[in-house]
Amino acid sequence: MRASSGTGSVGRSMARHRKLVGIAGVALMAIGTWGMIMVGSSTLQAIDEGAYNSERGEMFQLNSYVFLFALVAGLVALIYAGVVSQEKNASASKTA
């Protein structure tokens, strides 16, 4: 058994369920956007209150990276779903 066989089956499953992948991508993008807004709002509030220090800044930075990762993962999933959908449409029009 090859090490990449699991990756191939996941790829085929994602190609079959491209609408679900697209929906998951949109959900991840919404979560990432909402999280970035909330982290930015919390950071501004801490700065206004004078409670911003290096330890708190590291926490805000870590939270920002987590939500940025969710945003990028959602974007990748949405692009993947779009590419797979276009490939399916192109192959269907060739056979018709």
Foldseek 3Di string as FASTA:
>chain_A
DDPCPVVVVVVVVCLVVLVVLLVQLVVLLVQLVVQLVVLVVVVVVCVVVVNDDPVVVVVSVVSNVVSVVSNVSSVVSNVVSVVSVVVVVVVVVVVD
